[in-house]
Amino acid sequence: MIEKEENEDWWKKPWSPEEMEKLAITMADFEKAAKLVQPSSKREGFSSIPNVKWEDVGGLGDIRDEFDLYIISRIKYPDDYQKFGVNLETGILLYGPPGCGKTMIAKAAANEAGANFIHVKGPELLNKYVGESELAVRTLFSRARTCSPCIIFFDEVDALTTMRGKEGGWVVERLLNQLLIELDGAADLR
């Protein structure tokens, strides 16, 4: 039993001077470690490259072509677009009834582009405490910048709107203002 404890505690013992002199960390060591370590933004389960492919979507060739032109190619080949002076900031508005495949299309586009995907349900951003909704938007875009290239998919975005003058509408107005500020700075997401 004593031998087993010694074998388990080998890593706690200090290194001898001879062992320290032989110690060298090479680039190959870093490359091997990079395959084993996952960035903290992904460990939180906040963003990842989805496993949905265009074959899972089925049909919709025209929509696929639009996504390829405006989203996927810009992420895959940014140098080509910058060389010709094309603005890389872009977005697509998908609308339709629930269950028609908007989320699946966005996930397939992210997979095709090799981009991280962040799915945000509109009501998740709302908070009754002053400043918390704006902080949630800033945090969202900060995380997206950290794990770029990234596709942010806002689901149920209509929940972020209200009629003007409605009581409590100032919370939504401030949230929308912060969202527009972050979208205006979306160039940092590339």
N, C-alpha and C. Protein backbone atom coordinates (compact mmCIF):
# COMPACT_ATOMS: atom_id res chain seq x y z
N MET A 1 0.82 -1.20 0.00
CA MET A 1 0.00 0.00 0.00
C MET A 1 0.86 1.25 0.00
N ILE A 2 1.99 1.23 0.67
CA ILE A 2 2.88 2.39 0.70
C ILE A 2 3.42 2.66 -0.71
N GLU A 3 3.78 1.61 -1.46
CA GLU A 3 4.29 1.79 -2.82
C GLU A 3 3.24 2.46 -3.71
N LYS A 4 1.98 2.08 -3.54
CA LYS A 4 0.90 2.66 -4.35
C LYS A 4 0.77 4.15 -4.07
N GLU A 5 0.86 4.55 -2.80
CA GLU A 5 0.77 5.97 -2.46
C GLU A 5 1.94 6.75 -3.05
N GLU A 6 3.14 6.16 -3.02
CA GLU A 6 4.30 6.84 -3.59
C GLU A 6 4.11 7.03 -5.09
N ASN A 7 3.57 6.03 -5.78
CA ASN A 7 3.36 6.13 -7.21
C ASN A 7 2.30 7.17 -7.54
N GLU A 8 1.30 7.32 -6.70
CA GLU A 8 0.24 8.30 -6.96
C GLU A 8 0.69 9.73 -6.68
N ASP A 9 1.67 9.88 -5.79
CA ASP A 9 2.11 11.23 -5.41
C ASP A 9 3.41 11.65 -6.11
N TRP A 10 3.76 11.00 -7.20
CA TRP A 10 5.01 11.32 -7.88
C TRP A 10 5.05 12.77 -8.35
N TRP A 11 3.90 13.29 -8.72
CA TRP A 11 3.85 14.64 -9.28
C TRP A 11 3.99 15.72 -8.20
N LYS A 12 3.84 15.36 -6.96
CA LYS A 12 3.97 16.33 -5.87
C LYS A 12 5.42 16.56 -5.46
N LYS A 13 6.31 15.65 -5.82
CA LYS A 13 7.71 15.75 -5.42
C LYS A 13 8.43 16.80 -6.26
N PRO A 14 9.33 17.57 -5.63
CA PRO A 14 10.09 18.57 -6.40
C PRO A 14 11.07 17.91 -7.36
N TRP A 15 11.38 18.63 -8.45
CA TRP A 15 12.30 18.10 -9.44
C TRP A 15 13.74 18.33 -8.99
N SER A 16 14.58 17.41 -9.36
CA SER A 16 16.01 17.56 -9.04
C SER A 16 16.63 18.56 -10.01
N PRO A 17 17.77 19.14 -9.65
CA PRO A 17 18.44 20.08 -10.57
C PRO A 17 18.77 19.45 -11.92
N GLU A 18 19.12 18.16 -11.93
CA GLU A 18 19.44 17.49 -13.19
C GLU A 18 18.19 17.41 -14.08
N GLU A 19 17.05 17.11 -13.48
CA GLU A 19 15.80 17.04 -14.24
C GLU A 19 15.40 18.42 -14.77
N MET A 20 15.64 19.45 -13.97
CA MET A 20 15.30 20.81 -14.40
C MET A 20 16.14 21.25 -15.59
N GLU A 21 17.43 20.85 -15.61
CA GLU A 21 18.30 21.22 -16.72
C GLU A 21 17.86 20.56 -18.02
N LYS A 22 17.32 19.37 -17.94
CA LYS A 22 16.88 18.64 -19.13
C LYS A 22 15.53 19.13 -19.65
N LEU A 23 14.83 19.90 -18.83
CA LEU A 23 13.47 20.34 -19.18
C LEU A 23 13.50 21.33 -20.34
N ALA A 24 12.72 21.07 -21.34
CA ALA A 24 12.58 21.97 -22.49
C ALA A 24 11.19 21.81 -23.05
N ILE A 25 10.56 22.93 -23.32
CA ILE A 25 9.22 22.92 -23.93
C ILE A 25 9.37 23.40 -25.35
N THR A 26 8.89 22.60 -26.28
CA THR A 26 9.01 22.92 -27.70
C THR A 26 7.65 23.32 -28.27
N MET A 27 7.67 23.82 -29.49
CA MET A 27 6.44 24.19 -30.17
C MET A 27 5.55 22.96 -30.38
N ALA A 28 6.17 21.82 -30.58
CA ALA A 28 5.39 20.58 -30.74
C ALA A 28 4.59 20.28 -29.48
N ASP A 29 5.15 20.62 -28.31
CA ASP A 29 4.43 20.43 -27.06
C ASP A 29 3.18 21.32 -27.02
N PHE A 30 3.33 22.59 -27.46
CA PHE A 30 2.18 23.49 -27.48
C PHE A 30 1.12 23.02 -28.47
N GLU A 31 1.56 22.56 -29.62
CA GLU A 31 0.60 22.09 -30.63
C GLU A 31 -0.17 20.88 -30.14
N LYS A 32 0.51 19.99 -29.45
CA LYS A 32 -0.16 18.81 -28.89
C LYS A 32 -1.15 19.23 -27.81
N ALA A 33 -0.75 20.17 -26.97
CA ALA A 33 -1.63 20.63 -25.89
C ALA A 33 -2.84 21.38 -26.44
N ALA A 34 -2.64 22.12 -27.53
CA ALA A 34 -3.75 22.89 -28.11
C ALA A 34 -4.88 21.99 -28.58
N LYS A 35 -4.54 20.78 -28.98
CA LYS A 35 -5.58 19.83 -29.41
C LYS A 35 -6.38 19.29 -28.24
N LEU A 36 -5.78 19.32 -27.06
CA LEU A 36 -6.43 18.77 -25.87
C LEU A 36 -7.21 19.81 -25.08
N VAL A 37 -6.86 21.08 -25.25
CA VAL A 37 -7.46 22.15 -24.45
C VAL A 37 -8.54 22.85 -25.26
N GLN A 38 -9.64 23.15 -24.62
CA GLN A 38 -10.74 23.86 -25.27
C GLN A 38 -10.80 25.27 -24.71
N PRO A 39 -10.95 26.30 -25.57
CA PRO A 39 -11.03 27.68 -25.08
C PRO A 39 -12.17 27.84 -24.07
N SER A 40 -11.97 28.73 -23.11
CA SER A 40 -12.95 28.90 -22.04
C SER A 40 -14.32 29.33 -22.56
N SER A 41 -14.34 30.12 -23.64
CA SER A 41 -15.64 30.55 -24.17
C SER A 41 -16.44 29.38 -24.70
N LYS A 42 -15.76 28.31 -25.13
CA LYS A 42 -16.46 27.13 -25.61
C LYS A 42 -16.77 26.18 -24.47
N ARG A 43 -15.93 26.18 -23.43
CA ARG A 43 -16.18 25.30 -22.29
C ARG A 43 -17.47 25.67 -21.59
N GLU A 44 -17.83 26.94 -21.64
CA GLU A 44 -19.06 27.38 -20.99
C GLU A 44 -20.29 26.88 -21.73
N GLY A 45 -20.09 26.27 -22.89
CA GLY A 45 -21.22 25.78 -23.67
C GLY A 45 -21.94 26.92 -24.37
N PHE A 46 -21.27 28.04 -24.48
CA PHE A 46 -21.91 29.22 -25.04
C PHE A 46 -21.90 29.23 -26.55
N SER A 47 -20.83 28.76 -27.16
CA SER A 47 -20.76 28.76 -28.61
C SER A 47 -20.04 27.52 -29.09
N SER A 48 -20.41 27.07 -30.25
CA SER A 48 -19.76 25.93 -30.86
C SER A 48 -20.14 25.89 -32.33
N ILE A 49 -19.40 25.11 -33.09
CA ILE A 49 -19.76 24.93 -34.49
C ILE A 49 -20.83 23.84 -34.52
N PRO A 50 -22.01 24.15 -35.04
CA PRO A 50 -23.10 23.16 -35.02
C PRO A 50 -22.81 21.98 -35.95
N ASN A 51 -23.49 20.88 -35.70
CA ASN A 51 -23.29 19.69 -36.53
C ASN A 51 -24.37 19.53 -37.59
N VAL A 52 -25.17 20.56 -37.83
CA VAL A 52 -26.22 20.52 -38.87
C VAL A 52 -25.58 20.86 -40.22
N LYS A 53 -25.86 20.04 -41.21
CA LYS A 53 -25.32 20.26 -42.55
C LYS A 53 -26.45 20.65 -43.50
N TRP A 54 -26.08 21.17 -44.68
CA TRP A 54 -27.09 21.57 -45.66
C TRP A 54 -27.92 20.37 -46.10
N GLU A 55 -27.32 19.19 -46.08
CA GLU A 55 -28.07 17.99 -46.46
C GLU A 55 -29.22 17.73 -45.50
N ASP A 56 -29.06 18.17 -44.24
CA ASP A 56 -30.12 18.01 -43.24
C ASP A 56 -31.28 18.97 -43.50
N VAL A 57 -30.99 20.09 -44.16
CA VAL A 57 -32.02 21.09 -44.42
C VAL A 57 -32.93 20.62 -45.54
N GLY A 58 -32.35 20.16 -46.63
CA GLY A 58 -33.15 19.67 -47.76
C GLY A 58 -33.73 20.79 -48.59
N GLY A 59 -33.46 20.77 -49.87
CA GLY A 59 -33.99 21.76 -50.78
C GLY A 59 -33.43 23.15 -50.50
N LEU A 60 -34.23 24.16 -50.75
CA LEU A 60 -33.89 25.56 -50.47
C LEU A 60 -32.60 26.00 -51.14
N GLY A 61 -32.40 25.61 -52.39
CA GLY A 61 -31.19 25.96 -53.12
C GLY A 61 -30.96 27.45 -53.23
N ASP A 62 -32.03 28.22 -53.45
CA ASP A 62 -31.89 29.67 -53.56
C ASP A 62 -31.40 30.29 -52.25
N ILE A 63 -31.96 29.83 -51.14
CA ILE A 63 -31.55 30.35 -49.84
C ILE A 63 -30.10 29.96 -49.57
N ARG A 64 -29.74 28.75 -49.95
CA ARG A 64 -28.36 28.30 -49.74
C ARG A 64 -27.39 29.17 -50.54
N ASP A 65 -27.76 29.52 -51.76
CA ASP A 65 -26.91 30.38 -52.59
C ASP A 65 -26.76 31.76 -51.96
N GLU A 66 -27.85 32.30 -51.42
CA GLU A 66 -27.79 33.61 -50.76
C GLU A 66 -26.86 33.57 -49.55
N PHE A 67 -27.00 32.53 -48.73
CA PHE A 67 -26.15 32.39 -47.56
C PHE A 67 -24.69 32.22 -47.98
N ASP A 68 -24.47 31.46 -49.04
CA ASP A 68 -23.10 31.26 -49.50
C ASP A 68 -22.47 32.58 -49.94
N LEU A 69 -23.23 33.38 -50.65
CA LEU A 69 -22.72 34.65 -51.15
C LEU A 69 -22.50 35.67 -50.03
N TYR A 70 -23.48 35.83 -49.16
CA TYR A 70 -23.44 36.91 -48.18
C TYR A 70 -22.83 36.55 -46.83
N ILE A 71 -22.79 35.28 -46.48
CA ILE A 71 -22.29 34.89 -45.15
C ILE A 71 -21.09 33.95 -45.26
N ILE A 72 -21.28 32.79 -45.85
CA ILE A 72 -20.28 31.73 -45.82
C ILE A 72 -18.99 32.14 -46.53
N SER A 73 -19.09 32.65 -47.74
CA SER A 73 -17.88 33.02 -48.49
C SER A 73 -17.13 34.14 -47.80
N ARG A 74 -17.83 35.05 -47.17
CA ARG A 74 -17.17 36.17 -46.48
C ARG A 74 -16.39 35.68 -45.27
N ILE A 75 -16.87 34.62 -44.65
CA ILE A 75 -16.15 34.06 -43.51
C ILE A 75 -14.99 33.19 -43.98
N LYS A 76 -15.23 32.39 -45.02
CA LYS A 76 -14.19 31.47 -45.50
C LYS A 76 -13.06 32.19 -46.24
N TYR A 77 -13.39 33.22 -47.01
CA TYR A 77 -12.40 33.89 -47.85
C TYR A 77 -12.42 35.40 -47.62
N PRO A 78 -12.10 35.87 -46.41
CA PRO A 78 -12.18 37.30 -46.13
C PRO A 78 -11.18 38.12 -46.94
N ASP A 79 -10.01 37.54 -47.26
CA ASP A 79 -9.00 38.29 -48.01
C ASP A 79 -9.48 38.65 -49.40
N ASP A 80 -10.22 37.74 -50.05
CA ASP A 80 -10.76 38.03 -51.38
C ASP A 80 -11.72 39.21 -51.34
N TYR A 81 -12.55 39.27 -50.32
CA TYR A 81 -13.52 40.36 -50.22
C TYR A 81 -12.82 41.67 -49.87
N GLN A 82 -11.83 41.62 -48.98
CA GLN A 82 -11.12 42.84 -48.60
C GLN A 82 -10.30 43.38 -49.76
N LYS A 83 -9.75 42.47 -50.58
CA LYS A 83 -8.93 42.88 -51.72
C LYS A 83 -9.74 43.76 -52.68
N PHE A 84 -11.02 43.46 -52.84
CA PHE A 84 -11.86 44.22 -53.74
C PHE A 84 -12.63 45.33 -53.03
N GLY A 85 -12.37 45.51 -51.75
CA GLY A 85 -13.00 46.60 -51.00
C GLY A 85 -14.45 46.34 -50.64
N VAL A 86 -14.86 45.09 -50.59
CA VAL A 86 -16.24 44.75 -50.25
C VAL A 86 -16.38 44.77 -48.73
N ASN A 87 -17.43 45.39 -48.25
CA ASN A 87 -17.70 45.46 -46.83
C ASN A 87 -18.07 44.06 -46.32
N LEU A 88 -17.37 43.63 -45.28
CA LEU A 88 -17.60 42.28 -44.75
C LEU A 88 -18.76 42.22 -43.76
N GLU A 89 -19.21 43.36 -43.30
CA GLU A 89 -20.32 43.37 -42.34
C GLU A 89 -21.60 42.98 -43.07
N THR A 90 -22.26 41.98 -42.57
CA THR A 90 -23.47 41.52 -43.24
C THR A 90 -24.37 40.78 -42.28
N GLY A 91 -25.60 40.67 -42.65
CA GLY A 91 -26.57 39.91 -41.88
C GLY A 91 -27.74 39.56 -42.77
N ILE A 92 -28.49 38.59 -42.37
CA ILE A 92 -29.67 38.16 -43.12
C ILE A 92 -30.82 38.05 -42.14
N LEU A 93 -31.97 38.55 -42.54
CA LEU A 93 -33.17 38.44 -41.73
C LEU A 93 -34.02 37.29 -42.27
N LEU A 94 -34.21 36.29 -41.44
CA LEU A 94 -35.08 35.16 -41.78
C LEU A 94 -36.40 35.36 -41.06
N TYR A 95 -37.48 35.22 -41.76
CA TYR A 95 -38.78 35.35 -41.10
C TYR A 95 -39.70 34.25 -41.61
N GLY A 96 -40.64 33.91 -40.76
CA GLY A 96 -41.59 32.86 -41.10
C GLY A 96 -42.20 32.30 -39.84
N PRO A 97 -43.20 31.46 -39.99
CA PRO A 97 -43.86 30.88 -38.81
C PRO A 97 -42.94 29.93 -38.06
N PRO A 98 -43.25 29.69 -36.79
CA PRO A 98 -42.42 28.74 -36.02
C PRO A 98 -42.40 27.36 -36.69
N GLY A 99 -41.22 26.74 -36.67
CA GLY A 99 -41.09 25.39 -37.20
C GLY A 99 -40.79 25.30 -38.68
N CYS A 100 -40.52 26.43 -39.33
CA CYS A 100 -40.26 26.36 -40.77
C CYS A 100 -38.78 26.16 -41.09
N GLY A 101 -37.91 26.09 -40.08
CA GLY A 101 -36.52 25.74 -40.32
C GLY A 101 -35.53 26.88 -40.30
N LYS A 102 -35.90 28.03 -39.75
CA LYS A 102 -34.97 29.17 -39.71
C LYS A 102 -33.71 28.84 -38.92
N THR A 103 -33.86 28.23 -37.77
CA THR A 103 -32.72 27.90 -36.92
C THR A 103 -31.84 26.86 -37.60
N MET A 104 -32.44 25.88 -38.23
CA MET A 104 -31.67 24.84 -38.91
C MET A 104 -30.85 25.43 -40.06
N ILE A 105 -31.44 26.37 -40.79
CA ILE A 105 -30.72 27.03 -41.89
C ILE A 105 -29.52 27.79 -41.35
N ALA A 106 -29.71 28.53 -40.27
CA ALA A 106 -28.61 29.31 -39.69
C ALA A 106 -27.50 28.39 -39.17
N LYS A 107 -27.88 27.28 -38.55
CA LYS A 107 -26.88 26.32 -38.06
C LYS A 107 -26.11 25.68 -39.22
N ALA A 108 -26.82 25.35 -40.28
CA ALA A 108 -26.15 24.76 -41.45
C ALA A 108 -25.17 25.75 -42.07
N ALA A 109 -25.55 27.02 -42.11
CA ALA A 109 -24.64 28.04 -42.65
C ALA A 109 -23.40 28.18 -41.77
N ALA A 110 -23.57 28.15 -40.46
CA ALA A 110 -22.43 28.24 -39.55
C ALA A 110 -21.51 27.03 -39.72
N ASN A 111 -22.09 25.86 -39.87
CA ASN A 111 -21.29 24.65 -40.07
C ASN A 111 -20.51 24.75 -41.37
N GLU A 112 -21.17 25.16 -42.43
CA GLU A 112 -20.52 25.27 -43.74
C GLU A 112 -19.37 26.27 -43.70
N ALA A 113 -19.55 27.35 -42.95
CA ALA A 113 -18.52 28.39 -42.87
C ALA A 113 -17.44 28.04 -41.86
N GLY A 114 -17.69 27.05 -41.01
CA GLY A 114 -16.74 26.73 -39.96
C GLY A 114 -16.74 27.79 -38.87
N ALA A 115 -17.88 28.43 -38.69
CA ALA A 115 -18.00 29.52 -37.71
C ALA A 115 -18.71 29.02 -36.46
N ASN A 116 -18.39 29.64 -35.35
CA ASN A 116 -19.11 29.35 -34.12
C ASN A 116 -20.53 29.88 -34.24
N PHE A 117 -21.43 29.30 -33.50
CA PHE A 117 -22.86 29.64 -33.59
C PHE A 117 -23.38 29.95 -32.20
N ILE A 118 -23.96 31.11 -32.05
CA ILE A 118 -24.58 31.50 -30.79
C ILE A 118 -26.06 31.71 -31.05
N HIS A 119 -26.88 30.94 -30.35
CA HIS A 119 -28.34 31.01 -30.50
C HIS A 119 -28.89 31.80 -29.33
N VAL A 120 -29.53 32.92 -29.62
CA VAL A 120 -30.08 33.77 -28.58
C VAL A 120 -31.58 33.88 -28.77
N LYS A 121 -32.32 33.53 -27.75
CA LYS A 121 -33.76 33.74 -27.78
C LYS A 121 -34.00 35.15 -27.25
N GLY A 122 -34.76 35.94 -27.97
CA GLY A 122 -34.99 37.33 -27.63
C GLY A 122 -35.31 37.59 -26.17
N PRO A 123 -36.27 36.87 -25.59
CA PRO A 123 -36.64 37.13 -24.20
C PRO A 123 -35.51 36.90 -23.20
N GLU A 124 -34.49 36.11 -23.57
CA GLU A 124 -33.37 35.88 -22.66
C GLU A 124 -32.62 37.16 -22.33
N LEU A 125 -32.68 38.13 -23.24
CA LEU A 125 -31.94 39.37 -23.03
C LEU A 125 -32.67 40.35 -22.11
N LEU A 126 -33.97 40.16 -21.97
CA LEU A 126 -34.75 41.09 -21.15
C LEU A 126 -34.55 40.83 -19.66
N ASN A 127 -34.39 41.91 -18.91
CA ASN A 127 -34.22 41.82 -17.46
C ASN A 127 -34.87 43.06 -16.85
N LYS A 128 -35.58 42.88 -15.75
CA LYS A 128 -36.31 44.00 -15.17
C LYS A 128 -35.40 44.98 -14.44
N TYR A 129 -34.17 44.59 -14.13
CA TYR A 129 -33.27 45.47 -13.39
C TYR A 129 -32.54 46.41 -14.34
N VAL A 130 -32.39 47.64 -13.92
CA VAL A 130 -31.79 48.69 -14.74
C VAL A 130 -30.37 48.30 -15.14
N GLY A 131 -30.10 48.33 -16.42
CA GLY A 131 -28.77 48.09 -16.94
C GLY A 131 -28.42 46.63 -17.20
N GLU A 132 -29.18 45.70 -16.67
CA GLU A 132 -28.86 44.28 -16.84
C GLU A 132 -29.09 43.80 -18.28
N SER A 133 -30.12 44.30 -18.93
CA SER A 133 -30.37 43.90 -20.31
C SER A 133 -29.25 44.40 -21.22
N GLU A 134 -28.83 45.63 -21.00
CA GLU A 134 -27.74 46.18 -21.80
C GLU A 134 -26.45 45.41 -21.56
N LEU A 135 -26.21 45.04 -20.30
CA LEU A 135 -25.02 44.25 -19.97
C LEU A 135 -25.07 42.89 -20.67
N ALA A 136 -26.25 42.28 -20.74
CA ALA A 136 -26.39 40.98 -21.41
C ALA A 136 -26.03 41.11 -22.89
N VAL A 137 -26.44 42.20 -23.53
CA VAL A 137 -26.13 42.41 -24.95
C VAL A 137 -24.62 42.63 -25.13
N ARG A 138 -24.02 43.46 -24.28
CA ARG A 138 -22.58 43.69 -24.37
C ARG A 138 -21.80 42.39 -24.16
N THR A 139 -22.21 41.59 -23.19
CA THR A 139 -21.55 40.31 -22.91
C THR A 139 -21.68 39.37 -24.09
N LEU A 140 -22.86 39.32 -24.68
CA LEU A 140 -23.10 38.47 -25.84
C LEU A 140 -22.14 38.81 -26.98
N PHE A 141 -22.03 40.09 -27.31
CA PHE A 141 -21.17 40.48 -28.42
C PHE A 141 -19.70 40.36 -28.05
N SER A 142 -19.37 40.54 -26.80
CA SER A 142 -17.99 40.35 -26.36
C SER A 142 -17.59 38.88 -26.53
N ARG A 143 -18.45 37.97 -26.16
CA ARG A 143 -18.16 36.54 -26.34
C ARG A 143 -18.10 36.17 -27.81
N ALA A 144 -18.94 36.80 -28.61
CA ALA A 144 -18.91 36.52 -30.05
C ALA A 144 -17.58 36.99 -30.66
N ARG A 145 -17.09 38.14 -30.21
CA ARG A 145 -15.79 38.62 -30.70
C ARG A 145 -14.67 37.68 -30.27
N THR A 146 -14.78 37.14 -29.06
CA THR A 146 -13.76 36.24 -28.54
C THR A 146 -13.66 34.97 -29.35
N CYS A 147 -14.77 34.45 -29.81
CA CYS A 147 -14.74 33.18 -30.54
C CYS A 147 -15.05 33.38 -32.02
N SER A 148 -14.63 34.51 -32.59
CA SER A 148 -14.88 34.76 -34.00
C SER A 148 -14.04 33.82 -34.87
N PRO A 149 -14.47 33.49 -36.07
CA PRO A 149 -15.70 33.95 -36.70
C PRO A 149 -16.92 33.32 -36.02
N CYS A 150 -17.96 34.11 -35.96
CA CYS A 150 -19.13 33.70 -35.19
C CYS A 150 -20.40 34.18 -35.88
N ILE A 151 -21.42 33.35 -35.84
CA ILE A 151 -22.75 33.72 -36.33
C ILE A 151 -23.66 33.80 -35.12
N ILE A 152 -24.26 34.96 -34.93
CA ILE A 152 -25.22 35.14 -33.84
C ILE A 152 -26.61 35.05 -34.45
N PHE A 153 -27.41 34.14 -33.92
CA PHE A 153 -28.77 33.94 -34.41
C PHE A 153 -29.75 34.40 -33.34
N PHE A 154 -30.47 35.47 -33.64
CA PHE A 154 -31.49 35.98 -32.72
C PHE A 154 -32.82 35.34 -33.07
N ASP A 155 -33.31 34.52 -32.18
CA ASP A 155 -34.59 33.86 -32.37
C ASP A 155 -35.63 34.65 -31.58
N GLU A 156 -36.84 34.72 -32.08
CA GLU A 156 -37.93 35.45 -31.41
C GLU A 156 -37.54 36.90 -31.14
N VAL A 157 -36.91 37.53 -32.13
CA VAL A 157 -36.46 38.91 -31.96
C VAL A 157 -37.63 39.87 -31.78
N ASP A 158 -38.82 39.46 -32.19
CA ASP A 158 -40.00 40.31 -32.03
C ASP A 158 -40.33 40.55 -30.56
N ALA A 159 -39.82 39.70 -29.67
CA ALA A 159 -40.05 39.89 -28.23
C ALA A 159 -39.30 41.12 -27.71
N LEU A 160 -38.34 41.62 -28.50
CA LEU A 160 -37.56 42.78 -28.07
C LEU A 160 -38.20 44.10 -28.48
N THR A 161 -39.41 44.04 -29.00
CA THR A 161 -40.08 45.27 -29.43
C THR A 161 -41.32 45.51 -28.60
N THR A 162 -41.71 46.74 -28.55
CA THR A 162 -42.93 47.12 -27.84
C THR A 162 -43.49 48.36 -28.49
N MET A 163 -44.72 48.68 -28.18
CA MET A 163 -45.33 49.89 -28.72
C MET A 163 -44.75 51.08 -27.98
N ARG A 164 -44.51 52.16 -28.70
CA ARG A 164 -43.97 53.36 -28.08
C ARG A 164 -44.97 53.92 -27.07
N GLY A 165 -44.42 54.38 -25.97
CA GLY A 165 -45.25 54.98 -24.93
C GLY A 165 -45.87 53.97 -23.99
N LYS A 166 -45.72 52.69 -24.27
CA LYS A 166 -46.27 51.67 -23.40
C LYS A 166 -45.49 51.65 -22.09
N GLU A 167 -46.17 51.41 -20.99
CA GLU A 167 -45.50 51.40 -19.69
C GLU A 167 -44.46 50.29 -19.64
N GLY A 168 -43.28 50.60 -19.14
CA GLY A 168 -42.18 49.64 -19.10
C GLY A 168 -41.45 49.54 -20.42
N GLY A 169 -41.89 50.29 -21.42
CA GLY A 169 -41.27 50.24 -22.74
C GLY A 169 -39.86 50.80 -22.75
N TRP A 170 -39.51 51.60 -21.75
CA TRP A 170 -38.17 52.19 -21.72
C TRP A 170 -37.10 51.13 -21.54
N VAL A 171 -37.43 50.00 -20.89
CA VAL A 171 -36.46 48.91 -20.73
C VAL A 171 -36.12 48.34 -22.10
N VAL A 172 -37.14 48.10 -22.91
CA VAL A 172 -36.94 47.54 -24.24
C VAL A 172 -36.24 48.56 -25.14
N GLU A 173 -36.59 49.83 -25.01
CA GLU A 173 -35.94 50.86 -25.83
C GLU A 173 -34.44 50.92 -25.54
N ARG A 174 -34.06 50.86 -24.28
CA ARG A 174 -32.64 50.90 -23.93
C ARG A 174 -31.93 49.65 -24.43
N LEU A 175 -32.60 48.52 -24.34
CA LEU A 175 -32.04 47.26 -24.84
C LEU A 175 -31.81 47.35 -26.34
N LEU A 176 -32.80 47.84 -27.06
CA LEU A 176 -32.67 47.98 -28.51
C LEU A 176 -31.55 48.95 -28.87
N ASN A 177 -31.43 50.04 -28.12
CA ASN A 177 -30.35 51.00 -28.38
C ASN A 177 -28.99 50.32 -28.22
N GLN A 178 -28.83 49.54 -27.16
CA GLN A 178 -27.56 48.83 -26.95
C GLN A 178 -27.31 47.80 -28.05
N LEU A 179 -28.36 47.11 -28.46
CA LEU A 179 -28.23 46.12 -29.53
C LEU A 179 -27.79 46.79 -30.83
N LEU A 180 -28.37 47.94 -31.14
CA LEU A 180 -27.99 48.67 -32.36
C LEU A 180 -26.56 49.17 -32.27
N ILE A 181 -26.13 49.60 -31.10
CA ILE A 181 -24.74 50.04 -30.92
C ILE A 181 -23.79 48.89 -31.19
N GLU A 182 -24.10 47.72 -30.63
CA GLU A 182 -23.24 46.56 -30.84
C GLU A 182 -23.27 46.08 -32.29
N LEU A 183 -24.44 46.12 -32.92
CA LEU A 183 -24.51 45.72 -34.32
C LEU A 183 -23.73 46.69 -35.20
N ASP A 184 -23.72 47.95 -34.84
CA ASP A 184 -22.94 48.93 -35.60
C ASP A 184 -21.46 48.62 -35.49
N GLY A 185 -21.03 48.06 -34.36
CA GLY A 185 -19.64 47.68 -34.18
C GLY A 185 -19.39 46.24 -34.55
N ALA A 186 -20.24 45.65 -35.36
CA ALA A 186 -20.12 44.23 -35.69
C ALA A 186 -18.90 43.93 -36.53
N ALA A 187 -18.19 44.96 -37.00
CA ALA A 187 -16.98 44.72 -37.78
C ALA A 187 -15.94 43.97 -36.97
N ASP A 188 -16.00 44.07 -35.66
CA ASP A 188 -15.04 43.38 -34.80
C ASP A 188 -15.27 41.88 -34.75
N LEU A 189 -16.40 41.40 -35.29
CA LEU A 189 -16.72 39.97 -35.24
C LEU A 189 -15.95 39.17 -36.28
N ARG A 190 -15.31 39.83 -37.24
CA ARG A 190 -14.61 39.07 -38.28
C ARG A 190 -13.37 38.44 -37.73
